[in-house]
């Protein structure tokens, strides 16, 4: 019995160094597997900037109220503005439409030559007291319709007239038309032989009546 107690004490002394009854082997157990740790992503409100600058461009519109009334717009003319004054330029165009001959019994004349003429006011002022006179190289007595007068011919208007002279029977009759107004002589238009107007003579009811150049 004593031997058994001694043996038990000896075993207790030998194990008192590390506290293990049975000495563990020098084998180190493997480190248990742990899943890799992941650092959670940080969500940042910083905007994505495209370009070479990191400063975001912010468009802003600020309205500052003001009690100042709006300035009134006036039509004050510029001091450098100059008025353009049109220079009065009277001008007239004379067109001989043609001629014909007839017998004037009313005035006791034989053959007479009638010239049909159109006067056009091509200037920038109204023409007043116009007088158109027909002259012929073989003219006899003065015919009452040798000269036709018009009180006025407005700008851009035209008028057709009929002038008559006493002429020699069956002879060529060179003619000349002279136009005069308040400003003096305008022009003379001549024809060595006035062509027969035939059926193209103006309507007698439309003579001496001014009409627009471009009706």
Protein backbone atom coordinates (compact mmCIF):
# COMPACT_ATOMS: atom_id res chain seq x y z
CA UNK A 1 0.00 0.00 0.00
CA UNK A 2 2.81 2.37 0.83
CA UNK A 3 4.47 1.60 -2.48
CA UNK A 4 1.31 2.54 -4.36
CA UNK A 5 0.99 5.88 -2.55
CA UNK A 6 4.65 6.67 -3.22
CA UNK A 7 4.27 5.95 -6.90
CA UNK A 8 1.19 8.18 -7.11
CA UNK A 9 2.98 11.09 -5.45
CA UNK A 10 5.91 10.71 -7.79
CA UNK A 11 3.62 10.99 -10.79
CA UNK A 12 1.96 14.10 -9.38
CA UNK A 13 5.29 15.79 -8.91
CA UNK A 14 6.37 15.04 -12.44
CA UNK A 15 3.20 16.58 -13.89
CA UNK A 16 3.17 19.64 -11.68
CA UNK A 17 5.43 21.55 -14.07
CA UNK A 18 2.80 22.22 -16.82
CA UNK A 19 -0.37 20.93 -15.21
CA UNK A 20 -0.95 18.18 -17.83
CA UNK A 21 -1.38 14.61 -16.54
CA UNK A 22 -0.49 13.37 -19.99
CA UNK A 23 2.20 15.48 -21.71
CA UNK A 24 0.96 16.90 -25.02
CA UNK A 25 2.95 16.20 -28.12
CA UNK A 26 5.05 18.98 -29.60
CA UNK A 27 2.63 19.15 -32.64
CA UNK A 28 1.07 22.54 -33.13
CA UNK A 29 -2.54 22.34 -34.29
CA UNK A 30 -3.34 24.28 -37.53
CA UNK A 31 -4.76 27.71 -37.28
CA UNK A 32 -8.44 27.51 -37.89
CA UNK A 33 -9.53 28.90 -41.37
CA UNK A 34 -11.18 32.26 -41.18
CA UNK A 35 -12.80 33.98 -44.17
CA UNK A 36 -10.79 36.94 -45.50
CA UNK A 37 -11.90 40.25 -44.16
CA UNK A 38 -13.29 42.86 -46.62
CA UNK A 39 -13.14 46.47 -45.89
CA UNK A 40 -16.61 47.80 -46.69
CA UNK A 41 -16.73 50.34 -49.57
CA UNK A 42 -17.15 53.92 -48.52
CA UNK A 43 -19.88 55.68 -50.42
CA UNK A 44 -18.88 59.29 -50.84
CA UNK A 45 -21.11 62.11 -52.16
CA UNK A 46 -18.13 63.54 -54.04
CA UNK A 47 -19.28 64.06 -57.69
CA UNK A 48 -17.46 62.49 -60.59
CA UNK A 49 -15.48 65.17 -62.40
CA UNK A 50 -14.57 64.79 -66.06
CA UNK A 51 -11.61 66.82 -67.18
CA UNK A 52 -8.37 68.12 -65.78
CA UNK A 53 -9.89 69.98 -62.90
CA UNK A 54 -11.45 68.60 -59.78
CA UNK A 55 -13.49 71.70 -59.13
CA UNK A 56 -17.10 71.11 -60.15
CA UNK A 57 -18.76 73.83 -62.23
CA UNK A 58 -21.96 74.99 -60.65
CA UNK A 59 -24.40 77.19 -62.63
CA UNK A 60 -26.33 79.52 -60.44
CA UNK A 61 -28.83 82.27 -61.08
CA UNK A 62 -29.44 84.84 -58.42
CA UNK A 63 -32.24 87.34 -58.76
CA UNK A 64 -31.76 90.40 -56.65
CA UNK A 65 -35.00 92.32 -56.25
CA UNK A 66 -34.72 95.99 -56.84
CA UNK A 67 -37.17 98.80 -56.37
CA UNK A 68 -35.45 100.94 -59.01
CA UNK A 69 -37.91 101.64 -61.86
CA UNK A 70 -36.92 100.84 -65.43
CA UNK A 71 -35.53 103.72 -67.45
CA UNK A 72 -37.97 105.00 -70.04
CA UNK A 73 -36.99 104.56 -73.70
CA UNK A 74 -37.05 107.78 -75.63
CA UNK A 75 -36.78 108.50 -79.33
CA UNK A 76 -34.23 111.24 -78.95
CA UNK A 77 -32.61 111.67 -82.37
CA UNK A 78 -28.89 111.29 -82.62
CA UNK A 79 -26.89 114.47 -82.93
CA UNK A 80 -24.95 112.96 -85.83
CA UNK A 81 -28.06 112.02 -87.82
CA UNK A 82 -28.48 114.06 -90.96
CA UNK A 83 -31.66 114.38 -92.96
CA UNK A 84 -31.49 113.52 -96.64
CA UNK A 85 -33.15 116.20 -98.74
CA UNK A 86 -34.10 115.22 -102.27
CA UNK A 87 -33.07 117.78 -104.85
CA UNK A 88 -36.01 118.66 -107.15
CA UNK A 89 -35.19 117.21 -110.58
CA UNK A 90 -37.85 117.78 -113.25
CA UNK A 91 -37.64 115.38 -116.16
CA UNK A 92 -39.90 114.34 -119.02
CA UNK A 93 -39.78 111.66 -121.69
CA UNK A 94 -41.39 112.27 -125.09
CA UNK A 95 -42.47 109.31 -127.22
CA UNK A 96 -43.86 109.76 -130.74
CA UNK A 97 -46.37 106.97 -131.28
CA UNK A 98 -46.97 107.76 -134.97
CA UNK A 99 -48.86 110.00 -137.39
CA UNK A 100 -51.73 109.99 -139.85
CA UNK A 101 -53.29 112.43 -142.29
CA UNK A 102 -56.84 113.65 -142.72
CA UNK A 103 -58.87 116.38 -144.35
CA UNK A 104 -59.91 119.21 -142.02
CA UNK A 105 -63.10 120.72 -143.43
CA UNK A 106 -64.15 122.32 -140.15
CA UNK A 107 -61.30 124.82 -140.22
CA UNK A 108 -61.34 125.23 -144.01
CA UNK A 109 -58.04 123.35 -144.50
CA UNK A 110 -57.16 120.56 -146.83
CA UNK A 111 -54.80 117.84 -145.72
CA UNK A 112 -53.55 117.97 -142.13
CA UNK A 113 -50.99 115.82 -140.29
CA UNK A 114 -51.84 114.45 -136.87
CA UNK A 115 -49.07 113.33 -134.52
CA UNK A 116 -49.85 111.17 -131.50
CA UNK A 117 -47.41 111.73 -128.62
CA UNK A 118 -47.02 110.36 -125.08
CA UNK A 119 -45.45 112.54 -122.37
CA UNK A 120 -44.02 110.81 -119.28
CA UNK A 121 -43.06 112.53 -116.02
CA UNK A 122 -39.83 110.70 -115.10
CA UNK A 123 -38.59 113.27 -112.56
CA UNK A 124 -39.26 113.67 -108.84
CA UNK A 125 -41.50 116.77 -108.99
CA UNK A 126 -44.92 117.40 -110.47
CA UNK A 127 -44.86 119.22 -113.79
CA UNK A 128 -47.20 122.18 -114.22
CA UNK A 129 -48.40 124.20 -117.20
CA UNK A 130 -47.05 121.81 -119.81
CA UNK A 131 -47.28 122.85 -123.46
CA UNK A 132 -46.48 120.55 -126.35
CA UNK A 133 -46.22 122.08 -129.84
CA UNK A 134 -46.03 120.31 -133.21
CA UNK A 135 -43.99 121.90 -136.01
CA UNK A 136 -43.74 120.69 -139.65
CA UNK A 137 -41.35 121.71 -142.41
CA UNK A 138 -44.14 122.05 -145.02
CA UNK A 139 -46.55 123.65 -142.58
CA UNK A 140 -49.15 126.07 -143.99
CA UNK A 141 -51.58 127.95 -141.79
CA UNK A 142 -51.49 127.62 -138.00
CA UNK A 143 -53.86 124.91 -136.90
CA UNK A 144 -55.80 125.44 -133.63
CA UNK A 145 -54.55 122.05 -132.35
CA UNK A 146 -50.91 122.81 -133.11
CA UNK A 147 -50.30 123.27 -129.35
CA UNK A 148 -51.89 121.32 -126.51
CA UNK A 149 -51.63 122.54 -122.93
CA UNK A 150 -51.85 120.51 -119.70
CA UNK A 151 -52.36 122.03 -116.25
CA UNK A 152 -50.21 119.41 -114.52
CA UNK A 153 -48.59 116.00 -114.90
CA UNK A 154 -47.90 114.26 -111.56
CA UNK A 155 -44.79 112.25 -110.77
CA UNK A 156 -44.75 108.81 -112.44
CA UNK A 157 -47.73 109.68 -114.65
CA UNK A 158 -48.05 109.77 -118.41
CA UNK A 159 -50.48 111.34 -120.84
CA UNK A 160 -51.16 110.82 -124.54
CA UNK A 161 -52.08 113.80 -126.73
CA UNK A 162 -52.88 114.53 -130.36
CA UNK A 163 -51.21 117.46 -132.19
CA UNK A 164 -52.23 118.69 -135.66
CA UNK A 165 -50.57 120.90 -138.29
CA UNK A 166 -51.63 122.09 -141.74
CA UNK A 167 -49.43 120.16 -144.17
CA UNK A 168 -48.87 119.90 -147.94
CA UNK A 169 -50.98 117.40 -149.78
CA UNK A 170 -49.19 114.11 -150.52
CA UNK A 171 -45.79 115.30 -149.39
CA UNK A 172 -43.38 113.88 -146.81
CA UNK A 173 -43.77 115.90 -143.65
CA UNK A 174 -40.75 116.00 -141.30
CA UNK A 175 -41.98 117.01 -137.85
CA UNK A 176 -40.60 118.33 -134.59
CA UNK A 177 -42.27 118.32 -131.14
CA UNK A 178 -41.31 120.95 -128.58
CA UNK A 179 -42.21 120.57 -124.87
CA UNK A 180 -42.23 123.56 -122.48
CA UNK A 181 -43.28 123.84 -118.82
CA UNK A 182 -42.96 126.44 -116.02
CA UNK A 183 -39.26 125.64 -115.82
CA UNK A 184 -38.69 126.48 -119.48
CA UNK A 185 -37.92 124.35 -122.52
CA UNK A 186 -37.61 120.66 -121.83
CA UNK A 187 -36.69 119.14 -125.15
CA UNK A 188 -37.39 118.84 -128.84
CA UNK A 189 -38.06 115.51 -130.50
CA UNK A 190 -37.95 115.27 -134.31
CA UNK A 191 -38.76 112.73 -137.02
CA UNK A 192 -37.82 112.96 -140.68
CA UNK A 193 -40.92 111.03 -141.64
CA UNK A 194 -43.56 110.26 -139.08
CA UNK A 195 -44.65 106.63 -139.57
CA UNK A 196 -48.31 105.94 -140.23
CA UNK A 197 -49.89 104.96 -136.91
CA UNK A 198 -52.69 103.03 -138.66
CA UNK A 199 -55.03 101.24 -136.27
CA UNK A 200 -52.70 101.80 -133.30
CA UNK A 201 -53.96 105.33 -132.67
CA UNK A 202 -54.96 105.93 -129.02
CA UNK A 203 -58.62 106.03 -128.08
CA UNK A 204 -59.79 109.64 -128.56
CA UNK A 205 -61.65 109.49 -125.24
CA UNK A 206 -58.41 108.63 -123.41
CA UNK A 207 -56.42 111.58 -124.77
CA UNK A 208 -55.27 114.40 -122.44
CA UNK A 209 -55.98 112.24 -119.34
CA UNK A 210 -52.93 111.45 -117.12
CA UNK A 211 -52.61 107.83 -116.03
CA UNK A 212 -49.94 106.04 -113.92
CA UNK A 213 -46.84 104.87 -115.70
CA UNK A 214 -47.34 101.34 -114.33
CA UNK A 215 -51.09 100.92 -113.84
